[in-house]
Protein backbone atom coordinates (compact mmCIF):
# COMPACT_ATOMS: atom_id res chain seq x y z
CA MET A 1 0.00 0.00 0.00
CA ASN A 2 1.48 3.38 -0.87
CA ASP A 3 1.43 6.28 1.61
CA ARG A 4 -1.59 7.98 0.09
CA SER A 5 -3.77 4.87 0.15
CA ALA A 6 -2.55 4.00 3.66
CA ASP A 7 -3.69 7.43 4.83
CA GLU A 8 -7.04 6.98 3.12
CA ALA A 9 -7.44 3.53 4.67
CA MET A 10 -6.68 4.89 8.14
CA LYS A 11 -9.50 7.38 7.63
CA ASP A 12 -11.86 4.41 7.25
CA LEU A 13 -10.79 3.10 10.64
CA ILE A 14 -10.95 6.54 12.23
CA GLN A 15 -14.54 7.06 11.10
CA ILE A 16 -15.62 3.85 12.83
CA GLU A 17 -17.08 4.44 16.27
CA PRO A 18 -14.73 3.16 19.01
CA ALA A 19 -17.25 0.58 20.23
CA ASP A 20 -17.74 -0.74 16.69
CA LEU A 21 -13.98 -0.93 16.13
CA ALA A 22 -13.52 -2.81 19.42
CA MET A 23 -16.23 -5.24 18.34
CA LEU A 24 -14.49 -5.83 14.99
CA VAL A 25 -11.12 -6.39 16.63
CA ALA A 26 -12.65 -8.93 19.04
CA LEU A 27 -14.22 -10.97 16.23
CA ALA A 28 -12.54 -13.88 14.50
CA PRO A 29 -11.12 -12.73 11.15
CA ALA A 30 -13.66 -14.82 9.21
CA GLU A 31 -16.55 -13.07 10.98
CA ARG A 32 -15.37 -9.51 10.32
CA ILE A 33 -16.58 -9.09 6.73
CA GLY A 34 -20.17 -9.82 7.69
CA ALA A 35 -19.98 -7.47 10.65
CA ILE A 36 -18.52 -4.68 8.50
CA ILE A 37 -21.25 -5.16 5.90
CA ARG A 38 -23.92 -4.99 8.62
CA LEU A 39 -22.34 -1.84 10.07
CA ASN A 40 -22.11 -0.31 6.61
CA ARG A 41 -25.87 -0.77 6.15
CA THR A 42 -26.69 1.24 9.26
CA VAL A 43 -27.80 4.86 9.13
CA ARG A 44 -24.63 5.82 11.02
CA TYR A 45 -22.31 4.66 8.22
CA ALA A 46 -24.67 4.79 5.21
CA ASN A 47 -22.39 2.69 2.95
CA THR A 48 -19.34 4.89 3.52
CA LEU A 49 -17.06 2.16 4.88
CA ASN A 50 -14.53 0.46 2.60
CA ALA A 51 -14.81 -3.12 3.86
CA VAL A 52 -11.72 -4.41 2.03
CA GLU A 53 -9.43 -1.70 3.36
CA ILE A 54 -10.79 -2.14 6.88
CA LEU A 55 -10.18 -5.90 6.73
CA VAL A 56 -6.62 -5.36 5.49
CA LEU A 57 -5.88 -2.81 8.21
CA LEU A 58 -7.26 -5.06 10.92
CA ALA A 59 -5.16 -7.97 9.61
CA GLU A 60 -2.04 -5.78 9.45
CA GLN A 61 -2.61 -4.61 13.01
CA ALA A 62 -3.00 -8.20 14.20
CA VAL A 63 0.27 -9.18 12.53
CA ALA A 64 2.04 -6.17 14.02
CA ALA A 65 0.64 -6.94 17.48
CA GLY A 66 1.82 -10.55 17.18
CA SER A 67 5.26 -9.33 16.20
CA ARG A 68 5.45 -7.05 19.22
CA ARG A 69 4.37 -9.87 21.54
CA LYS A 70 7.08 -12.17 20.17
CA ARG A 71 9.78 -9.53 20.64
CA HIS A 72 8.79 -8.92 24.26
CA ARG A 73 8.68 -12.57 25.33
CA PHE A 74 11.59 -13.89 27.27
CA LYS A 75 12.48 -17.19 28.91
CA LEU A 76 12.30 -17.49 32.67
CA SER A 77 15.99 -18.45 32.64
CA ASP A 78 16.73 -15.07 31.00
CA SER A 79 15.32 -13.19 33.99
CA ALA A 80 17.67 -14.71 36.58
């Protein structure tokens, strides 16, 4: 994704209400597309959400979070 499209994609996440975003993050990846489509049909979003970009961003964030968790793990023997 180039910088311009990354910025545009972030706008999609920013326009999602915090409670809705938390709900999407908590869902299994396979369940997210249906939830985004249902949200997009509501009066609040009125078909303004880009479901594909939101799915990609959520997946990228999950990968990044997994990466951070791996870097911060240490063995008990390392702490002695």
